[in-house]
Amino acid sequence: MQSSWLAFGNEVSATFARLLAYIGAIVVIGVVTARMFGVPDVEAAVDPSARPQWFPIERPHRAFMLILPEFPLDPEPSYAIQRHVSGGGRKDIMTWGEPDTLGSRLMIEIYRPGSELAPGADTTVSIEDLGTIAGVKSAGSIDSKFGPLTLVEFTARRGERTRRCLGFARAFDEPRVRIAGWYCRAGDEVIQPQPIACALDRLAVIAAGSDPKIATLFAQAELQRRFCQPKTAAQGATIKRNDWIAATRDPKLRGRHVTK
């Protein structure tokens, strides 16, 4: 009887040892598999700081108008409106020209800040689709119907194409609004700032909404209009475009513009 109990005990011990070996093998296989194929970290994938601060408005109702015959393929701009998630600020963004075309490009942004921007704080202009920005330097200022524009010169490289650009900005305290943007040519040629002022010369408000101060600002600016749009050709003459954009022959800053 004693030998039978001894044999039974040995069998139980052996079975238990094999069971532990199997469990250990399963654990090892699981660790190796996780290291080979990776296990996604769900918590790390949720990054609150990556949430966008601005969201686009679908079917935007245009508040401003600017038609540029210097862009014969698209004289009317591509129009977008963005709203700030928490502050309620609004950006009306008009762009001419496509990122990968050979023509010149222009972007004008009218920013009416909400609570997201403290009075006197720095502001920025979107440059995402311009590519890599380099050689940023001050380019002085130029007068416009809205008053002096602060100018910044820079180069933008996208793929194999390099453009020379001018950024511009003008901010107002009352009403709180900033008019800014950039103008880029097709290559390394020097850009004259006068065409920017001439483009803004034709910028008009068409729907100020519940902000009559914006309408008043544009009405006062209209009194300073310079009427520097391109001269029309004589009747019967052949039109030759050599104006400031010439989009069909020449080939949207996140950059900072500090305005006072």
Protein backbone atom coordinates (compact mmCIF):
# COMPACT_ATOMS: atom_id res chain seq x y z
CA MET A 1 0.00 0.00 0.00
CA GLN A 2 2.83 2.39 0.86
CA SER A 3 4.48 1.83 -2.50
CA SER A 4 1.19 2.61 -4.28
CA TRP A 5 0.82 5.93 -2.47
CA LEU A 6 4.44 6.77 -3.26
CA ALA A 7 3.93 6.05 -6.95
CA PHE A 8 0.74 8.18 -6.97
CA GLY A 9 2.59 11.09 -5.33
CA ASN A 10 5.40 10.90 -7.88
CA GLU A 11 2.86 10.95 -10.73
CA VAL A 12 1.09 14.04 -9.31
CA SER A 13 4.41 15.85 -8.91
CA ALA A 14 5.41 15.06 -12.49
CA THR A 15 2.03 16.21 -13.84
CA PHE A 16 2.23 19.48 -11.89
CA ALA A 17 5.76 20.11 -13.17
CA ARG A 18 4.63 19.54 -16.77
CA LEU A 19 1.70 21.93 -16.24
CA LEU A 20 4.00 24.67 -15.01
CA ALA A 21 6.27 24.11 -18.00
CA TYR A 22 3.34 24.48 -20.40
CA ILE A 23 2.19 27.71 -18.73
CA GLY A 24 5.71 29.11 -18.86
CA ALA A 25 5.99 28.26 -22.53
CA ILE A 26 2.70 30.05 -23.31
CA VAL A 27 3.89 33.17 -21.47
CA VAL A 28 7.18 33.20 -23.38
CA ILE A 29 5.39 32.79 -26.71
CA GLY A 30 3.07 35.70 -25.84
CA VAL A 31 5.97 38.01 -24.95
CA VAL A 32 7.87 37.16 -28.14
CA THR A 33 4.76 37.70 -30.27
CA ALA A 34 4.08 41.08 -28.68
CA ARG A 35 7.64 42.22 -29.33
CA MET A 36 7.64 41.01 -32.91
CA PHE A 37 4.31 42.43 -34.02
CA GLY A 38 3.78 45.19 -31.50
CA VAL A 39 0.86 45.81 -29.21
CA PRO A 40 -0.76 49.24 -29.74
CA ASP A 41 -0.80 51.51 -26.73
CA VAL A 42 -4.39 52.77 -26.65
CA GLU A 43 -3.70 55.46 -24.09
CA ALA A 44 -0.71 56.81 -26.01
CA ALA A 45 -2.74 57.03 -29.21
CA VAL A 46 -5.11 59.53 -27.61
CA ASP A 47 -3.24 62.84 -27.59
CA PRO A 48 -5.42 65.71 -26.34
CA SER A 49 -2.86 68.30 -27.53
CA ALA A 50 -3.29 67.13 -31.15
CA ARG A 51 -6.89 68.31 -31.35
CA PRO A 52 -7.27 71.04 -33.99
CA GLN A 53 -7.96 74.54 -32.70
CA TRP A 54 -9.74 75.61 -35.90
CA PHE A 55 -12.49 73.85 -37.84
CA PRO A 56 -13.75 74.63 -41.37
CA ILE A 57 -17.26 75.90 -42.01
CA GLU A 58 -19.13 73.90 -44.63
CA ARG A 59 -20.82 75.92 -47.39
CA PRO A 60 -19.36 79.22 -46.20
CA HIS A 61 -21.28 82.43 -46.83
CA ARG A 62 -18.77 84.93 -48.18
CA ALA A 63 -18.31 88.12 -46.21
CA PHE A 64 -15.71 89.68 -48.50
CA MET A 65 -15.15 89.93 -52.24
CA LEU A 66 -12.10 90.38 -54.43
CA ILE A 67 -11.89 89.52 -58.13
CA LEU A 68 -8.46 89.57 -59.75
CA PRO A 69 -8.43 89.48 -63.57
CA GLU A 70 -4.66 89.02 -63.29
CA PHE A 71 -5.53 85.37 -62.63
CA PRO A 72 -7.36 84.61 -65.90
CA LEU A 73 -7.94 80.95 -65.01
CA ASP A 74 -9.48 81.67 -61.63
CA PRO A 75 -10.18 85.39 -61.07
CA GLU A 76 -12.52 84.50 -58.22
CA PRO A 77 -10.72 83.09 -55.19
CA SER A 78 -11.07 79.79 -53.46
CA TYR A 79 -12.98 80.85 -50.35
CA ALA A 80 -12.81 79.18 -46.94
CA ILE A 81 -14.01 80.10 -43.46
CA GLN A 82 -12.55 78.73 -40.23
CA ARG A 83 -13.88 79.08 -36.68
CA HIS A 84 -11.92 78.73 -33.46
CA VAL A 85 -13.09 75.80 -31.36
CA SER A 86 -13.31 77.60 -28.03
CA GLY A 87 -12.76 81.30 -28.66
CA GLY A 88 -15.20 81.83 -31.53
CA GLY A 89 -12.75 83.73 -33.74
CA ARG A 90 -13.32 83.67 -37.49
CA LYS A 91 -10.93 83.59 -40.45
CA ASP A 92 -12.07 84.34 -44.00
CA ILE A 93 -9.37 82.96 -46.30
CA MET A 94 -9.15 83.70 -50.02
CA THR A 95 -6.55 82.02 -52.22
CA TRP A 96 -5.61 82.27 -55.89
CA GLY A 97 -3.45 79.69 -57.66
CA GLU A 98 -2.78 76.06 -56.84
CA PRO A 99 0.19 74.70 -54.86
CA ASP A 100 1.62 72.63 -57.72
CA THR A 101 0.92 74.93 -60.67
CA LEU A 102 3.47 77.06 -62.51
CA GLY A 103 1.60 80.30 -61.82
CA SER A 104 1.91 82.85 -59.07
CA ARG A 105 -0.07 82.51 -55.85
CA LEU A 106 -1.84 84.89 -53.51
CA MET A 107 -3.56 84.41 -50.15
CA ILE A 108 -5.51 87.03 -48.19
CA GLU A 109 -6.85 86.29 -44.73
CA ILE A 110 -9.26 88.47 -42.75
CA TYR A 111 -9.09 87.39 -39.12
CA ARG A 112 -11.67 88.60 -36.60
CA PRO A 113 -10.41 87.19 -33.28
CA GLY A 114 -12.58 86.07 -30.40
CA SER A 115 -11.60 85.26 -26.85
CA GLU A 116 -8.84 82.91 -28.10
CA LEU A 117 -6.53 85.87 -28.78
CA ALA A 118 -5.62 88.33 -26.05
CA PRO A 119 -5.43 92.01 -27.05
CA GLY A 120 -1.97 92.84 -28.34
CA ALA A 121 -0.95 89.18 -28.73
CA ASP A 122 1.06 87.92 -31.70
CA THR A 123 -0.83 86.42 -34.63
CA THR A 124 0.14 83.98 -37.36
CA VAL A 125 -0.76 83.34 -40.98
CA SER A 126 -1.14 79.88 -42.49
CA ILE A 127 1.66 78.69 -44.78
CA GLU A 128 1.06 74.92 -44.75
CA ASP A 129 0.83 74.41 -48.51
CA LEU A 130 3.81 76.66 -49.33
CA GLY A 131 6.29 74.03 -48.21
CA THR A 132 9.54 74.77 -46.39
CA ILE A 133 10.10 78.41 -45.43
CA ALA A 134 13.58 79.97 -45.30
CA GLY A 135 15.34 83.32 -45.47
CA VAL A 136 12.69 85.23 -43.51
CA LYS A 137 13.57 88.91 -43.11
CA SER A 138 11.86 92.23 -42.70
CA ALA A 139 11.00 94.08 -45.91
CA GLY A 140 9.77 97.35 -44.43
CA SER A 141 6.24 98.53 -45.09
CA ILE A 142 4.02 99.95 -47.80
CA ASP A 143 0.93 102.13 -47.78
CA SER A 144 -2.48 100.77 -48.73
CA LYS A 145 -6.06 101.96 -48.45
CA PHE A 146 -6.13 100.24 -45.04
CA GLY A 147 -3.00 102.06 -43.90
CA PRO A 148 0.62 100.84 -43.74
CA LEU A 149 1.24 97.13 -44.31
CA THR A 150 4.11 95.38 -42.52
CA LEU A 151 6.10 93.32 -45.04
CA VAL A 152 8.21 90.18 -44.59
CA GLU A 153 10.31 88.63 -47.36
CA PHE A 154 10.96 84.88 -47.51
CA THR A 155 11.46 81.95 -49.86
CA ALA A 156 9.20 78.90 -50.02
CA ARG A 157 10.34 75.53 -51.33
CA ARG A 158 7.83 72.83 -52.27
CA GLY A 159 9.26 69.77 -53.96
CA GLU A 160 11.69 70.95 -56.63
CA ARG A 161 10.15 74.42 -56.95
CA THR A 162 11.35 77.50 -55.09
CA ARG A 163 9.27 80.66 -54.91
CA ARG A 164 10.12 84.10 -53.62
CA CYS A 165 7.34 85.52 -51.47
CA LEU A 166 6.22 88.60 -49.59
CA GLY A 167 4.13 88.33 -46.46
CA PHE A 168 2.02 91.28 -45.35
CA ALA A 169 -0.11 92.21 -42.36
CA ARG A 170 -2.15 95.07 -40.98
CA ALA A 171 -3.94 94.89 -37.62
CA PHE A 172 -6.63 97.12 -36.09
CA ASP A 173 -7.59 97.55 -32.47
CA GLU A 174 -11.11 98.85 -33.13
CA PRO A 175 -12.65 96.83 -34.56
CA ARG A 176 -10.38 93.91 -33.71
CA VAL A 177 -9.43 92.58 -37.13
CA ARG A 178 -6.26 91.69 -38.98
CA ILE A 179 -5.79 91.66 -42.75
CA ALA A 180 -2.77 89.57 -43.73
CA GLY A 181 -1.48 87.09 -46.26
CA TRP A 182 1.28 86.35 -48.73
CA TYR A 183 2.06 86.73 -52.43
CA CYS A 184 4.51 84.39 -54.20
CA ARG A 185 6.03 84.48 -57.66
CA ALA A 186 7.22 81.54 -59.69
CA GLY A 187 10.95 81.79 -59.10
CA ASP A 188 13.71 83.87 -57.56
CA GLU A 189 12.72 87.15 -59.19
CA VAL A 190 12.39 90.18 -56.95
CA ILE A 191 8.84 90.96 -55.87
CA GLN A 192 7.65 94.55 -55.81
CA PRO A 193 5.23 95.27 -52.95
CA GLN A 194 2.99 97.68 -54.88
CA PRO A 195 0.90 94.87 -56.44
CA ILE A 196 -0.16 93.72 -52.97
CA ALA A 197 -1.52 97.18 -52.15
CA CYS A 198 -3.26 97.23 -55.53
CA ALA A 199 -4.93 93.90 -54.81
CA LEU A 200 -6.15 95.08 -51.41
CA ASP A 201 -7.34 98.24 -53.15
CA ARG A 202 -10.15 96.13 -54.63
CA LEU A 203 -10.98 94.14 -51.48
CA ALA A 204 -14.58 94.87 -50.47
CA VAL A 205 -16.98 93.73 -47.76
CA ILE A 206 -20.29 92.26 -48.94
CA ALA A 207 -21.77 90.90 -45.68
CA ALA A 208 -20.55 92.31 -42.39
CA GLY A 209 -23.28 90.43 -40.53
CA SER A 210 -23.83 91.71 -37.05
CA ASP A 211 -20.55 93.65 -37.04
CA PRO A 212 -21.26 97.16 -38.37
CA LYS A 213 -17.77 98.24 -37.29
CA ILE A 214 -16.29 96.11 -40.07
CA ALA A 215 -18.55 97.83 -42.60
CA THR A 216 -17.45 101.22 -41.26
CA LEU A 217 -13.78 100.23 -41.47
CA PHE A 218 -14.13 99.28 -45.14
CA ALA A 219 -16.17 102.40 -45.92
CA GLN A 220 -13.44 104.59 -44.46
CA ALA A 221 -10.77 102.63 -46.29
CA GLU A 222 -12.64 103.12 -49.57
CA LEU A 223 -12.09 106.86 -49.20
CA GLN A 224 -8.34 106.15 -49.41
CA ARG A 225 -8.60 103.91 -52.44
CA ARG A 226 -5.87 104.54 -55.02
CA PHE A 227 -7.62 102.98 -58.04
CA CYS A 228 -4.39 101.34 -59.17
CA GLN A 229 -5.97 98.41 -61.01
CA PRO A 230 -4.32 97.48 -64.34
CA LYS A 231 -5.04 99.88 -67.17
CA THR A 232 -7.37 98.63 -69.86
CA ALA A 233 -6.04 98.21 -73.37
CA ALA A 234 -7.08 100.58 -76.12
CA GLN A 235 -10.06 99.46 -78.15
CA GLY A 236 -9.01 97.04 -80.86
CA ALA A 237 -5.53 96.59 -79.46
CA THR A 238 -4.09 93.20 -78.62
CA ILE A 239 -4.04 92.63 -74.88
CA LYS A 240 -0.62 91.72 -73.56
CA ARG A 241 -0.53 90.75 -69.90
CA ASN A 242 2.57 92.03 -68.17
CA ASP A 243 0.95 92.98 -64.90
CA TRP A 244 1.89 91.98 -61.41
CA ILE A 245 0.82 88.36 -61.42
CA ALA A 246 0.71 87.06 -65.02
CA ALA A 247 -0.47 83.74 -63.68
CA THR A 248 -0.45 81.76 -66.92
CA ARG A 249 3.21 82.43 -67.62
CA ASP A 250 4.83 82.33 -64.21
CA PRO A 251 4.91 79.31 -62.77
CA LYS A 252 -1.66 78.77 -49.28
CA LEU A 253 2.80 81.58 -43.59
CA ARG A 254 2.46 79.16 -40.70
CA GLY A 255 4.70 82.17 -40.18
CA ARG A 256 4.54 84.85 -37.57
CA HIS A 257 3.52 88.42 -38.29
CA VAL A 258 3.76 90.75 -35.35
CA THR A 259 1.64 93.81 -35.96
CA LYS A 260 1.25 96.86 -33.83
